[in-house]
N, C-alpha and C. Protein backbone atom coordinates (compact mmCIF):
# COMPACT_ATOMS: atom_id res chain seq x y z
N MET A 1 0.84 -0.78 0.13
CA MET A 1 -0.64 -0.29 0.02
C MET A 1 0.76 1.40 0.12
N TYR A 2 2.33 1.07 0.83
CA TYR A 2 2.93 2.28 0.88
C TYR A 2 3.74 2.82 -0.22
N LYS A 3 3.96 1.54 -1.29
CA LYS A 3 4.96 1.79 -2.56
C LYS A 3 3.87 1.89 -3.53
N ASN A 4 2.55 1.81 -4.02
CA ASN A 4 1.54 2.44 -4.38
C ASN A 4 1.39 3.58 -3.91
N ILE A 5 0.63 5.02 -2.90
CA ILE A 5 1.20 6.13 -2.83
C ILE A 5 2.17 6.19 -3.19
N LEU A 6 3.70 6.11 -2.33
CA LEU A 6 5.03 6.28 -3.00
C LEU A 6 4.70 6.67 -4.76
N LEU A 7 4.57 6.06 -5.26
CA LEU A 7 4.55 5.76 -6.53
C LEU A 7 3.66 6.57 -6.83
N LEU A 8 2.44 6.84 -6.26
CA LEU A 8 1.59 8.22 -7.45
C LEU A 8 1.83 9.33 -6.97
N PHE A 9 2.46 10.04 -5.72
CA PHE A 9 2.94 10.68 -5.27
C PHE A 9 4.20 11.22 -6.77
N PHE A 10 5.40 9.84 -6.49
CA PHE A 10 6.27 10.87 -8.16
C PHE A 10 5.90 11.05 -9.38
N ILE A 11 4.94 10.53 -9.56
CA ILE A 11 3.86 10.43 -10.85
C ILE A 11 3.74 12.10 -10.97
N CYS A 12 3.01 12.70 -10.31
CA CYS A 12 2.37 13.86 -9.65
C CYS A 12 3.10 14.46 -10.07
N PHE A 13 4.05 14.34 -8.73
CA PHE A 13 5.54 15.66 -8.94
C PHE A 13 5.87 15.14 -10.24
N SER A 14 6.37 14.71 -10.90
CA SER A 14 7.34 14.57 -12.53
C SER A 14 6.26 15.27 -12.68
N PHE A 15 4.71 14.75 -13.02
CA PHE A 15 4.12 15.84 -14.66
C PHE A 15 3.49 17.74 -14.11
N VAL A 16 3.91 17.93 -12.52
CA VAL A 16 4.15 18.98 -12.60
C VAL A 16 5.13 19.89 -12.54
N SER A 17 6.34 19.19 -12.46
CA SER A 17 7.72 19.64 -12.91
C SER A 17 7.87 20.08 -14.30
N PHE A 18 7.07 18.79 -15.17
CA PHE A 18 7.37 18.95 -16.71
C PHE A 18 6.45 19.91 -17.23
N SER A 19 5.41 20.34 -16.74
CA SER A 19 4.34 21.36 -16.83
C SER A 19 4.86 22.97 -17.26
N GLN A 20 5.97 22.60 -15.79
CA GLN A 20 6.40 24.21 -15.92
C GLN A 20 7.55 24.38 -16.43
N THR A 21 8.76 23.35 -16.97
CA THR A 21 9.52 23.43 -17.61
C THR A 21 8.93 24.23 -19.64
N GLN A 22 7.78 23.17 -19.54
CA GLN A 22 7.67 23.62 -21.09
C GLN A 22 7.15 25.62 -21.07
N LYS A 23 6.39 25.27 -20.36
CA LYS A 23 5.87 26.78 -19.69
C LYS A 23 7.45 27.51 -19.84
N LYS A 24 8.15 27.35 -19.21
CA LYS A 24 9.41 28.08 -19.56
C LYS A 24 10.31 28.71 -20.81
N GLU A 25 10.13 27.32 -21.06
CA GLU A 25 10.25 27.51 -22.57
C GLU A 25 10.20 28.31 -24.00
N ASN A 26 8.48 28.27 -23.51
CA ASN A 26 8.06 28.78 -24.73
C ASN A 26 7.93 30.14 -23.98
N SER A 27 8.26 30.44 -23.19
CA SER A 27 8.64 32.04 -22.87
C SER A 27 9.24 33.04 -23.39
N ILE A 28 10.59 31.89 -23.09
CA ILE A 28 11.63 32.05 -23.57
C ILE A 28 11.87 32.29 -25.01
N SER A 29 11.01 31.52 -26.08
CA SER A 29 11.40 31.14 -27.26
C SER A 29 10.53 32.42 -28.15
N GLU A 30 9.69 32.97 -27.24
CA GLU A 30 8.73 34.40 -27.52
C GLU A 30 9.73 35.71 -27.47
N ILE A 31 10.31 35.76 -26.11
CA ILE A 31 11.05 37.09 -25.78
C ILE A 31 12.35 36.89 -27.20
N ASP A 32 13.75 35.73 -26.51
CA ASP A 32 14.80 35.79 -27.98
C ASP A 32 13.29 36.17 -29.42
N ILE A 33 12.88 35.60 -30.33
CA ILE A 33 12.29 36.04 -31.65
C ILE A 33 12.27 37.89 -31.70
N ILE A 34 11.30 38.61 -30.50
CA ILE A 34 11.34 39.68 -30.17
C ILE A 34 12.66 40.12 -30.13
N GLN A 35 13.87 39.89 -29.68
CA GLN A 35 15.20 40.02 -29.40
C GLN A 35 16.25 40.25 -30.70
N VAL A 36 15.55 38.57 -31.45
CA VAL A 36 16.33 39.13 -32.47
C VAL A 36 16.17 39.77 -33.57
N TYR A 37 14.93 39.94 -34.17
CA TYR A 37 14.16 40.96 -35.29
C TYR A 37 15.01 42.17 -35.02
N THR A 38 15.19 42.35 -33.12
CA THR A 38 14.92 44.17 -33.12
C THR A 38 16.37 43.95 -33.25
N GLN A 39 17.24 43.08 -33.56
CA GLN A 39 18.52 42.83 -33.29
C GLN A 39 19.17 43.64 -35.00
N VAL A 40 17.64 42.44 -35.90
CA VAL A 40 18.04 42.27 -37.15
C VAL A 40 17.61 43.36 -37.44
N VAL A 41 16.53 44.33 -37.13
CA VAL A 41 16.64 46.19 -37.41
C VAL A 41 17.46 46.88 -37.44
N LYS A 42 18.17 46.62 -36.44
CA LYS A 42 19.15 47.73 -36.01
C LYS A 42 20.90 47.52 -36.59
N GLU A 43 20.75 46.26 -38.04
CA GLU A 43 21.58 45.48 -38.50
C GLU A 43 21.84 46.12 -39.51
N GLY A 44 20.48 46.59 -39.69
CA GLY A 44 19.89 47.35 -41.36
C GLY A 44 19.13 46.92 -42.35
N TYR A 45 18.13 45.38 -41.97
CA TYR A 45 17.69 43.70 -42.41
C TYR A 45 16.50 44.17 -42.21
N GLY A 46 15.22 45.20 -41.62
CA GLY A 46 14.55 44.94 -41.67
C GLY A 46 14.06 45.05 -42.82
N THR A 47 12.63 44.43 -43.25
CA THR A 47 12.06 44.30 -43.91
C THR A 47 10.29 44.08 -43.51
N PRO A 48 9.63 44.41 -44.68
CA PRO A 48 8.48 44.51 -43.94
C PRO A 48 8.05 43.03 -43.09
N GLN A 49 8.54 41.15 -43.49
CA GLN A 49 7.88 40.65 -42.82
C GLN A 49 8.07 40.73 -41.90
N VAL A 50 9.75 40.98 -41.94
CA VAL A 50 10.11 41.35 -40.33
C VAL A 50 9.50 42.55 -39.10
N TYR A 51 9.35 43.44 -39.37
CA TYR A 51 7.97 44.77 -38.93
C TYR A 51 6.42 43.73 -39.03
N LEU A 52 6.19 43.58 -39.48
CA LEU A 52 4.98 42.29 -39.02
C LEU A 52 5.49 41.59 -38.27
N ASP A 53 6.08 40.72 -38.40
CA ASP A 53 6.07 38.99 -37.19
C ASP A 53 6.61 40.12 -35.67
N LEU A 54 7.42 41.34 -35.83
CA LEU A 54 7.76 42.17 -34.41
C LEU A 54 6.21 42.97 -34.28
N ALA A 55 5.26 43.67 -34.78
CA ALA A 55 4.38 44.67 -34.44
C ALA A 55 3.44 43.00 -34.20
N ASN A 56 3.33 41.65 -34.67
CA ASN A 56 2.63 40.71 -33.73
C ASN A 56 3.50 40.22 -32.76
N ALA A 57 4.54 40.39 -32.23
CA ALA A 57 4.84 39.49 -31.53
C ALA A 57 5.22 40.20 -30.37
N CYS A 58 4.27 42.02 -30.40
CA CYS A 58 4.58 43.02 -29.42
C CYS A 58 3.53 42.90 -29.18
N TYR A 59 2.69 42.62 -29.67
CA TYR A 59 0.91 42.72 -29.45
C TYR A 59 0.62 42.47 -28.79
N PHE A 60 0.34 41.19 -28.96
CA PHE A 60 0.41 40.22 -28.47
C PHE A 60 1.34 40.21 -26.99
N LYS A 61 2.26 40.35 -26.74
CA LYS A 61 2.59 40.36 -25.62
C LYS A 61 1.82 42.08 -24.57
N SER A 62 1.53 42.80 -25.27
CA SER A 62 0.87 43.98 -24.73
C SER A 62 1.99 44.34 -24.40
N ASP A 63 2.73 44.64 -25.54
CA ASP A 63 3.69 46.23 -26.02
C ASP A 63 3.14 46.62 -27.20
N TYR A 64 2.26 47.97 -26.19
CA TYR A 64 1.79 48.72 -27.33
C TYR A 64 2.30 49.50 -27.88
N LYS A 65 3.10 49.95 -26.62
CA LYS A 65 4.20 51.64 -27.60
C LYS A 65 5.08 50.71 -28.74
N ALA A 66 5.57 49.34 -28.15
CA ALA A 66 6.62 48.70 -29.64
C ALA A 66 5.71 48.51 -30.81
N SER A 67 4.61 47.47 -30.88
CA SER A 67 3.97 47.32 -31.55
C SER A 67 2.93 48.31 -32.26
N LYS A 68 3.19 49.35 -31.34
CA LYS A 68 2.76 50.95 -32.62
C LYS A 68 3.96 50.57 -33.64
N LYS A 69 5.32 51.44 -33.21
CA LYS A 69 6.36 51.75 -33.89
C LYS A 69 6.37 50.66 -35.44
N TRP A 70 6.41 48.90 -34.47
CA TRP A 70 6.61 48.26 -35.36
C TRP A 70 4.98 47.72 -37.22
N PHE A 71 3.49 48.61 -36.01
CA PHE A 71 2.72 49.01 -37.47
C PHE A 71 2.74 49.76 -38.18
N GLU A 72 3.57 50.98 -37.54
CA GLU A 72 4.13 51.75 -38.43
C GLU A 72 5.22 51.83 -39.81
N LYS A 73 6.22 51.41 -38.90
CA LYS A 73 6.99 50.90 -40.06
C LYS A 73 6.79 49.78 -41.12
N LEU A 74 5.96 48.96 -40.61
CA LEU A 74 5.02 48.11 -41.84
C LEU A 74 4.67 48.86 -42.43
N PHE A 75 3.63 49.84 -42.17
CA PHE A 75 2.89 50.54 -43.06
C PHE A 75 3.30 51.46 -44.11
N ASN A 76 4.96 51.66 -43.28
CA ASN A 76 5.46 52.94 -44.25
C ASN A 76 6.04 51.85 -45.47
N GLU A 77 6.22 50.36 -45.13
CA GLU A 77 7.10 50.09 -46.36
C GLU A 77 6.24 49.37 -47.17
N ASP A 78 5.01 48.80 -46.80
CA ASP A 78 3.96 48.17 -47.41
C ASP A 78 3.01 48.64 -47.77
N LYS A 79 1.78 48.05 -48.24
CA LYS A 79 0.75 48.72 -48.84
C LYS A 79 0.26 47.78 -47.86
N ILE A 80 -0.48 48.06 -46.98
CA ILE A 80 -1.98 47.57 -46.20
C ILE A 80 -2.70 46.54 -47.03
N THR A 81 -3.49 45.07 -47.01
CA THR A 81 -3.55 45.25 -47.49
C THR A 81 -5.16 43.76 -46.08
N ASP A 82 -4.10 43.89 -45.02
CA ASP A 82 -4.97 42.83 -44.29
C ASP A 82 -6.27 43.96 -43.39
N GLU A 83 -7.54 43.64 -42.76
CA GLU A 83 -7.69 43.80 -42.08
C GLU A 83 -7.26 44.06 -40.61
N THR A 84 -6.83 43.32 -40.17
CA THR A 84 -6.86 42.74 -39.20
C THR A 84 -5.59 43.28 -38.42
N LEU A 85 -4.51 43.46 -39.19
CA LEU A 85 -3.52 44.12 -38.71
C LEU A 85 -4.00 45.81 -38.25
N LEU A 86 -5.05 46.53 -39.90
CA LEU A 86 -4.98 47.87 -39.12
C LEU A 86 -6.17 47.45 -37.63
N TYR A 87 -6.71 46.65 -37.27
CA TYR A 87 -7.01 45.97 -36.09
C TYR A 87 -6.37 45.91 -34.54
N ARG A 88 -5.69 45.40 -35.29
CA ARG A 88 -4.34 45.58 -33.52
C ARG A 88 -3.40 46.58 -33.74
N TYR A 89 -3.43 47.77 -35.26
CA TYR A 89 -2.50 48.42 -34.66
C TYR A 89 -4.13 49.36 -33.83
N LYS A 90 -5.38 49.48 -34.53
CA LYS A 90 -5.92 50.33 -33.25
C LYS A 90 -6.39 49.82 -31.93
N GLN A 91 -6.24 48.74 -31.52
CA GLN A 91 -6.25 48.49 -30.33
C GLN A 91 -4.89 48.78 -30.31
N SER A 92 -3.78 48.93 -30.55
CA SER A 92 -2.68 49.27 -30.03
C SER A 92 -2.71 50.85 -29.01
N LEU A 93 -3.69 51.79 -30.38
CA LEU A 93 -3.54 53.18 -30.61
C LEU A 93 -4.79 53.80 -29.07
N LYS A 94 -5.30 52.54 -29.02
CA LYS A 94 -6.36 52.85 -28.13
C LYS A 94 -5.92 52.75 -26.69
N ALA A 95 -5.30 51.87 -26.64
CA ALA A 95 -4.43 50.77 -25.19
C ALA A 95 -3.64 52.18 -24.73
N LEU A 96 -2.67 52.78 -25.72
CA LEU A 96 -1.82 54.29 -25.30
C LEU A 96 -2.23 55.63 -25.63
N GLY A 97 -3.92 55.20 -25.44
CA GLY A 97 -4.78 57.28 -25.67
C GLY A 97 -3.97 57.67 -26.60
N LEU A 98 -3.60 56.93 -27.49
CA LEU A 98 -3.77 58.27 -29.07
C LEU A 98 -4.54 57.80 -29.74
N TYR A 99 -5.64 56.84 -29.19
CA TYR A 99 -6.87 56.97 -31.00
C TYR A 99 -7.33 58.20 -31.78
N ASN A 100 -7.31 57.97 -32.36
CA ASN A 100 -7.96 59.28 -32.99
C ASN A 100 -8.50 59.46 -35.04
N GLU A 101 -9.39 59.13 -34.85
CA GLU A 101 -10.13 59.13 -36.53
C GLU A 101 -8.71 59.43 -37.15
N ASN A 102 -8.90 61.07 -37.47
CA ASN A 102 -7.24 61.77 -38.29
C ASN A 102 -6.38 61.20 -38.78
N ASN A 103 -5.80 59.96 -38.21
CA ASN A 103 -4.93 59.03 -38.12
C ASN A 103 -4.12 59.16 -39.85
N VAL A 104 -3.27 58.65 -39.63
CA VAL A 104 -2.77 58.81 -41.73
C VAL A 104 -2.96 57.52 -42.06
N TYR A 105 -2.79 56.66 -41.08
CA TYR A 105 -2.61 54.77 -41.64
C TYR A 105 -4.39 54.33 -41.24
N LEU A 106 -4.94 55.23 -40.60
CA LEU A 106 -6.81 54.83 -40.67
C LEU A 106 -7.19 55.82 -41.35
N ALA A 107 -6.70 56.10 -42.47
CA ALA A 107 -7.56 56.51 -43.44
C ALA A 107 -7.18 56.22 -44.13
N VAL A 108 -6.47 54.61 -44.68
CA VAL A 108 -5.95 54.21 -45.69
C VAL A 108 -7.16 53.05 -45.75
N LYS A 109 -7.45 52.73 -47.57
CA LYS A 109 -8.61 52.27 -47.14
C LYS A 109 -8.26 51.17 -47.64
N VAL A 110 -8.27 49.27 -47.13
CA VAL A 110 -7.82 48.49 -47.19
C VAL A 110 -7.91 47.74 -48.07
N THR A 111 -6.83 47.33 -49.78
CA THR A 111 -7.45 46.87 -50.50
C THR A 111 -7.06 45.64 -50.49
N ASN A 112 -7.71 44.24 -50.84
CA ASN A 112 -6.84 42.65 -51.53
C ASN A 112 -6.60 42.09 -52.83
């Protein structure tokens, strides 16, 4: 009987420690993506795809100041074709208290 209880304890303990390891690895990989892409842009290799990935990554991490910056760089480089990107940009502006209808990027009609 004691062996069964002890075995159950070790199984539960291993599941808990494994799930915590998975969470830590996921958050580290997200941070690294932002850091790596930021370094790529600093070195002069920024592309619209890099700006898009940075804008989305910062948006989903609730770093609205950075997401606003990267969305605007993306909109300066590339034609706006996705309403989802405009929505995320608007939400970033709202979070920063900067939203108004006269924004240059919001005045552009989305074309497919």
